[in-house]
Amino acid sequence: TRYGTVTGVQTCALPISNDADPGLNAVGGLVVRFPVLDGGGREARILRAEAAAREASDLAKDLDLQLALEERVAQRRLAEAEAILVAQGEVIKQAEKALQIARVRYESGLGIELEVTDAQLALAEAQVVRVEALAKRAIAMAELHRARGETLLPPRGG
């Protein structure tokens, strides 16, 4: 008996002998196999593929939500830094005016040197807060560009 498999179809050759004519033999046979009962393997693979697709979809949604949140936070920080800059502009103007008044009072003999020093300190502190707000604004702008997927630097090369 010989067996051979051709793309899922198995053939077998069975000799059939004829007692009346010993030279006459016939060969025949065909066995076809279908994976009808594969132990649930096909269904399990389908379920795993569907679960992987759902997980990828959920991950994509989570990433979209995270990026949207990062963008909102960056926008809020940018608005906060810009509001501080506007306020500090006014504070600096008032501190400059206070310093001018303290100097005039001191030069006219109505004030003391400590008033001038205090006014200088107040102006310096207002300027430091403004510089901090400028740094916060730059950071917030960079975070906003990053959350939007934008680049700040020109491409390398050339």
C-alpha atoms as a PDB file:
ATOM      1  CA  THR A   1       0.000   0.000   0.000  1.00  0.00           C
ATOM      2  CA  ARG A   2       1.389   3.462  -0.970  1.00  0.00           C
ATOM      3  CA  TYR A   3       0.209   6.781   0.460  1.00  0.00           C
ATOM      4  CA  GLY A   4       0.837  10.299  -0.710  1.00  0.00           C
ATOM      5  CA  THR A   5      -0.570  13.686   0.395  1.00  0.00           C
ATOM      6  CA  VAL A   6      -1.372  16.456  -2.030  1.00  0.00           C
ATOM      7  CA  THR A   7      -2.614  19.743  -0.485  1.00  0.00           C
ATOM      8  CA  GLY A   8      -4.777  18.218   2.192  1.00  0.00           C
ATOM      9  CA  VAL A   9      -6.010  15.331   0.067  1.00  0.00           C
ATOM     10  CA  GLN A  10      -4.520  11.970   0.806  1.00  0.00           C
ATOM     11  CA  THR A  11      -4.469   9.307  -1.830  1.00  0.00           C
ATOM     12  CA  CYS A  12      -3.739   5.685  -1.292  1.00  0.00           C
ATOM     13  CA  ALA A  13      -3.051   2.883  -3.724  1.00  0.00           C
ATOM     14  CA  LEU A  14      -4.529  -0.459  -2.776  1.00  0.00           C
ATOM     15  CA  PRO A  15      -3.806  -3.379  -5.079  1.00  0.00           C
ATOM     16  CA  ILE A  16      -6.900  -5.280  -6.131  1.00  0.00           C
ATOM     17  CA  SER A  17      -6.193  -8.637  -7.644  1.00  0.00           C
ATOM     18  CA  ASN A  18      -8.403 -10.716  -9.891  1.00  0.00           C
ATOM     19  CA  ASP A  19      -8.054 -14.479  -9.406  1.00  0.00           C
ATOM     20  CA  ALA A  20      -9.425 -15.193 -12.895  1.00  0.00           C
ATOM     21  CA  ASP A  21      -6.874 -12.969 -14.586  1.00  0.00           C
ATOM     22  CA  PRO A  22      -3.726 -12.662 -12.428  1.00  0.00           C
ATOM     23  CA  GLY A  23      -2.314  -9.879 -14.647  1.00  0.00           C
ATOM     24  CA  LEU A  24      -5.289  -7.585 -14.117  1.00  0.00           C
ATOM     25  CA  ASN A  25      -4.883  -5.311 -11.123  1.00  0.00           C
ATOM     26  CA  ALA A  26      -6.789  -2.208 -10.240  1.00  0.00           C
ATOM     27  CA  VAL A  27      -5.719   0.637  -7.976  1.00  0.00           C
ATOM     28  CA  GLY A  28      -8.027   3.203  -6.442  1.00  0.00           C
ATOM     29  CA  GLY A  29      -8.852   5.182  -3.361  1.00  0.00           C
ATOM     30  CA  LEU A  30      -9.237   8.705  -2.101  1.00  0.00           C
ATOM     31  CA  VAL A  31      -9.212  10.088   1.412  1.00  0.00           C
ATOM     32  CA  VAL A  32     -10.111  13.740   1.978  1.00  0.00           C
ATOM     33  CA  ARG A  33      -9.545  15.386   5.341  1.00  0.00           C
ATOM     34  CA  PHE A  34     -11.325  18.547   6.497  1.00  0.00           C
ATOM     35  CA  PRO A  35     -10.477  20.195   9.816  1.00  0.00           C
ATOM     36  CA  VAL A  36     -14.079  20.234  10.958  1.00  0.00           C
ATOM     37  CA  LEU A  37     -13.224  19.376  14.534  1.00  0.00           C
ATOM     38  CA  ASP A  38      -9.929  21.007  15.413  1.00  0.00           C
ATOM     39  CA  GLY A  39     -10.533  21.142  19.158  1.00  0.00           C
ATOM     40  CA  GLY A  40     -11.705  24.787  19.029  1.00  0.00           C
ATOM     41  CA  GLY A  41      -8.304  25.982  17.833  1.00  0.00           C
ATOM     42  CA  ARG A  42      -9.714  28.075  15.007  1.00  0.00           C
ATOM     43  CA  GLU A  43     -12.267  29.750  17.251  1.00  0.00           C
ATOM     44  CA  ALA A  44      -9.592  30.381  19.877  1.00  0.00           C
ATOM     45  CA  ARG A  45      -7.350  32.046  17.282  1.00  0.00           C
ATOM     46  CA  ILE A  46     -10.264  34.205  16.138  1.00  0.00           C
ATOM     47  CA  LEU A  47     -11.082  35.196  19.719  1.00  0.00           C
ATOM     48  CA  ARG A  48      -7.418  36.046  20.404  1.00  0.00           C
ATOM     49  CA  ALA A  49      -7.259  38.166  17.253  1.00  0.00           C
ATOM     50  CA  GLU A  50     -10.474  39.991  18.172  1.00  0.00           C
ATOM     51  CA  ALA A  51      -9.184  40.596  21.717  1.00  0.00           C
ATOM     52  CA  ALA A  52      -5.905  41.946  20.337  1.00  0.00           C
ATOM     53  CA  ALA A  53      -7.831  44.255  17.998  1.00  0.00           C
ATOM     54  CA  ARG A  54      -9.981  45.533  20.894  1.00  0.00           C
ATOM     55  CA  GLU A  55      -6.883  46.070  23.031  1.00  0.00           C
ATOM     56  CA  ALA A  56      -5.187  48.032  20.234  1.00  0.00           C
ATOM     57  CA  SER A  57      -8.316  50.126  19.762  1.00  0.00           C
ATOM     58  CA  ASP A  58      -8.559  50.807  23.510  1.00  0.00           C
ATOM     59  CA  LEU A  59      -4.882  51.751  23.617  1.00  0.00           C
ATOM     60  CA  ALA A  60      -5.350  54.171  20.718  1.00  0.00           C
ATOM     61  CA  LYS A  61      -8.327  55.773  22.495  1.00  0.00           C
ATOM     62  CA  ASP A  62      -6.319  56.050  25.732  1.00  0.00           C
ATOM     63  CA  LEU A  63      -3.456  57.714  23.873  1.00  0.00           C
ATOM     64  CA  ASP A  64      -5.846  60.167  22.220  1.00  0.00           C
ATOM     65  CA  LEU A  65      -7.317  61.054  25.618  1.00  0.00           C
ATOM     66  CA  GLN A  66      -3.865  61.442  27.149  1.00  0.00           C
ATOM     67  CA  LEU A  67      -2.721  63.744  24.342  1.00  0.00           C
ATOM     68  CA  ALA A  68      -5.890  65.825  24.634  1.00  0.00           C
ATOM     69  CA  LEU A  69      -5.325  66.142  28.385  1.00  0.00           C
ATOM     70  CA  GLU A  70      -1.682  67.140  27.884  1.00  0.00           C
ATOM     71  CA  GLU A  71      -2.768  69.786  25.385  1.00  0.00           C
ATOM     72  CA  ARG A  72      -5.401  71.218  27.773  1.00  0.00           C
ATOM     73  CA  VAL A  73      -2.890  71.316  30.642  1.00  0.00           C
ATOM     74  CA  ALA A  74      -0.319  73.060  28.453  1.00  0.00           C
ATOM     75  CA  GLN A  75      -2.928  75.597  27.285  1.00  0.00           C
ATOM     76  CA  ARG A  76      -3.889  76.283  30.898  1.00  0.00           C
ATOM     77  CA  ARG A  77      -0.244  76.756  31.916  1.00  0.00           C
ATOM     78  CA  LEU A  78       0.345  79.056  28.968  1.00  0.00           C
ATOM     79  CA  ALA A  79      -2.684  81.192  29.832  1.00  0.00           C
ATOM     80  CA  GLU A  80      -1.570  81.307  33.477  1.00  0.00           C
ATOM     81  CA  ALA A  81       1.957  82.404  32.537  1.00  0.00           C
ATOM     82  CA  GLU A  82       0.623  85.078  30.192  1.00  0.00           C
ATOM     83  CA  ALA A  83      -1.711  86.397  32.897  1.00  0.00           C
ATOM     84  CA  ILE A  84       1.221  86.612  35.314  1.00  0.00           C
ATOM     85  CA  LEU A  85       3.222  88.493  32.670  1.00  0.00           C
ATOM     86  CA  VAL A  86       0.448  91.046  32.240  1.00  0.00           C
ATOM     87  CA  ALA A  87       0.098  91.472  35.995  1.00  0.00           C
ATOM     88  CA  GLN A  88       3.850  91.736  36.500  1.00  0.00           C
ATOM     89  CA  GLY A  89       4.034  94.434  33.852  1.00  0.00           C
ATOM     90  CA  GLU A  90       1.738  96.529  36.047  1.00  0.00           C
ATOM     91  CA  VAL A  91       3.634  95.606  39.216  1.00  0.00           C
ATOM     92  CA  ILE A  92       6.920  96.650  37.588  1.00  0.00           C
ATOM     93  CA  LYS A  93       5.419  99.992  36.503  1.00  0.00           C
ATOM     94  CA  GLN A  94       4.229 100.635  40.053  1.00  0.00           C
ATOM     95  CA  ALA A  95       7.610  99.593  41.504  1.00  0.00           C
ATOM     96  CA  GLU A  96       9.426 101.932  39.100  1.00  0.00           C
ATOM     97  CA  LYS A  97       7.107 104.780  40.095  1.00  0.00           C
ATOM     98  CA  ALA A  98       7.627 103.984  43.791  1.00  0.00           C
ATOM     99  CA  LEU A  99      11.415 104.010  43.281  1.00  0.00           C
ATOM    100  CA  GLN A 100      11.207 107.349  41.483  1.00  0.00           C
ATOM    101  CA  ILE A 101       9.155 108.818  44.333  1.00  0.00           C
ATOM    102  CA  ALA A 102      11.548 107.400  46.960  1.00  0.00           C
ATOM    103  CA  ARG A 103      14.537 108.953  45.161  1.00  0.00           C
ATOM    104  CA  VAL A 104      12.840 112.351  44.878  1.00  0.00           C
ATOM    105  CA  ARG A 105      11.932 112.246  48.585  1.00  0.00           C
ATOM    106  CA  TYR A 106      15.474 111.239  49.531  1.00  0.00           C
ATOM    107  CA  GLU A 107      17.074 113.929  47.303  1.00  0.00           C
ATOM    108  CA  SER A 108      14.773 116.592  48.731  1.00  0.00           C
ATOM    109  CA  GLY A 109      15.580 115.511  52.294  1.00  0.00           C
ATOM    110  CA  LEU A 110      12.081 114.249  53.078  1.00  0.00           C
ATOM    111  CA  GLY A 111      12.939 110.535  52.920  1.00  0.00           C
ATOM    112  CA  ILE A 112      15.683 108.213  54.059  1.00  0.00           C
ATOM    113  CA  GLU A 113      18.028 105.971  52.102  1.00  0.00           C
ATOM    114  CA  LEU A 114      16.237 102.868  53.378  1.00  0.00           C
ATOM    115  CA  GLU A 115      13.094 103.895  51.438  1.00  0.00           C
ATOM    116  CA  VAL A 116      15.133 104.005  48.219  1.00  0.00           C
ATOM    117  CA  THR A 117      16.702 100.618  48.984  1.00  0.00           C
ATOM    118  CA  ASP A 118      13.306  99.078  49.722  1.00  0.00           C
ATOM    119  CA  ALA A 119      11.904 100.470  46.455  1.00  0.00           C
ATOM    120  CA  GLN A 120      14.897  99.084  44.544  1.00  0.00           C
ATOM    121  CA  LEU A 121      14.354  95.686  46.170  1.00  0.00           C
ATOM    122  CA  ALA A 122      10.652  95.701  45.306  1.00  0.00           C
ATOM    123  CA  LEU A 123      11.479  96.535  41.677  1.00  0.00           C
ATOM    124  CA  ALA A 124      14.103  93.772  41.503  1.00  0.00           C
ATOM    125  CA  GLU A 125      11.674  91.238  42.969  1.00  0.00           C
ATOM    126  CA  ALA A 126       8.987  92.216  40.438  1.00  0.00           C
ATOM    127  CA  GLN A 127      11.507  91.819  37.622  1.00  0.00           C
ATOM    128  CA  VAL A 128      12.513  88.356  38.916  1.00  0.00           C
ATOM    129  CA  VAL A 129       8.871  87.257  38.974  1.00  0.00           C
ATOM    130  CA  ARG A 130       8.504  88.532  35.394  1.00  0.00           C
ATOM    131  CA  VAL A 131      11.541  86.523  34.257  1.00  0.00           C
ATOM    132  CA  GLU A 132      10.114  83.425  35.980  1.00  0.00           C
ATOM    133  CA  ALA A 133       6.813  84.002  34.166  1.00  0.00           C
ATOM    134  CA  LEU A 134       8.675  84.307  30.851  1.00  0.00           C
ATOM    135  CA  ALA A 135      10.365  80.949  31.534  1.00  0.00           C
ATOM    136  CA  LYS A 136       7.041  79.349  32.488  1.00  0.00           C
ATOM    137  CA  ARG A 137       5.480  80.693  29.297  1.00  0.00           C
ATOM    138  CA  ALA A 138       8.313  79.272  27.174  1.00  0.00           C
ATOM    139  CA  ILE A 139       7.978  75.877  28.868  1.00  0.00           C
ATOM    140  CA  ALA A 140       4.189  75.903  28.450  1.00  0.00           C
ATOM    141  CA  MET A 141       4.545  76.775  24.759  1.00  0.00           C
ATOM    142  CA  ALA A 142       7.017  73.910  24.277  1.00  0.00           C
ATOM    143  CA  GLU A 143       4.654  71.524  26.090  1.00  0.00           C
ATOM    144  CA  LEU A 144       1.762  72.680  23.917  1.00  0.00           C
ATOM    145  CA  HIS A 145       3.739  72.115  20.727  1.00  0.00           C
ATOM    146  CA  ARG A 146       4.804  68.675  21.993  1.00  0.00           C
ATOM    147  CA  ALA A 147       1.224  67.709  22.885  1.00  0.00           C
ATOM    148  CA  ARG A 148       0.139  68.727  19.382  1.00  0.00           C
ATOM    149  CA  GLY A 149       2.964  66.734  17.818  1.00  0.00           C
ATOM    150  CA  GLU A 150       4.638  69.851  16.453  1.00  0.00           C
ATOM    151  CA  THR A 151       8.380  70.332  16.344  1.00  0.00           C
ATOM    152  CA  LEU A 152      10.170  73.453  17.513  1.00  0.00           C
ATOM    153  CA  LEU A 153      13.539  72.825  15.942  1.00  0.00           C
ATOM    154  CA  PRO A 154      14.281  72.918  12.221  1.00  0.00           C
ATOM    155  CA  PRO A 155      15.151  69.557  10.651  1.00  0.00           C
ATOM    156  CA  ARG A 156      18.799  68.491  10.874  1.00  0.00           C
ATOM    157  CA  GLY A 157      21.062  68.223   7.875  1.00  0.00           C
ATOM    158  CA  GLY A 158      21.459  70.269   4.778  1.00  0.00           C
END
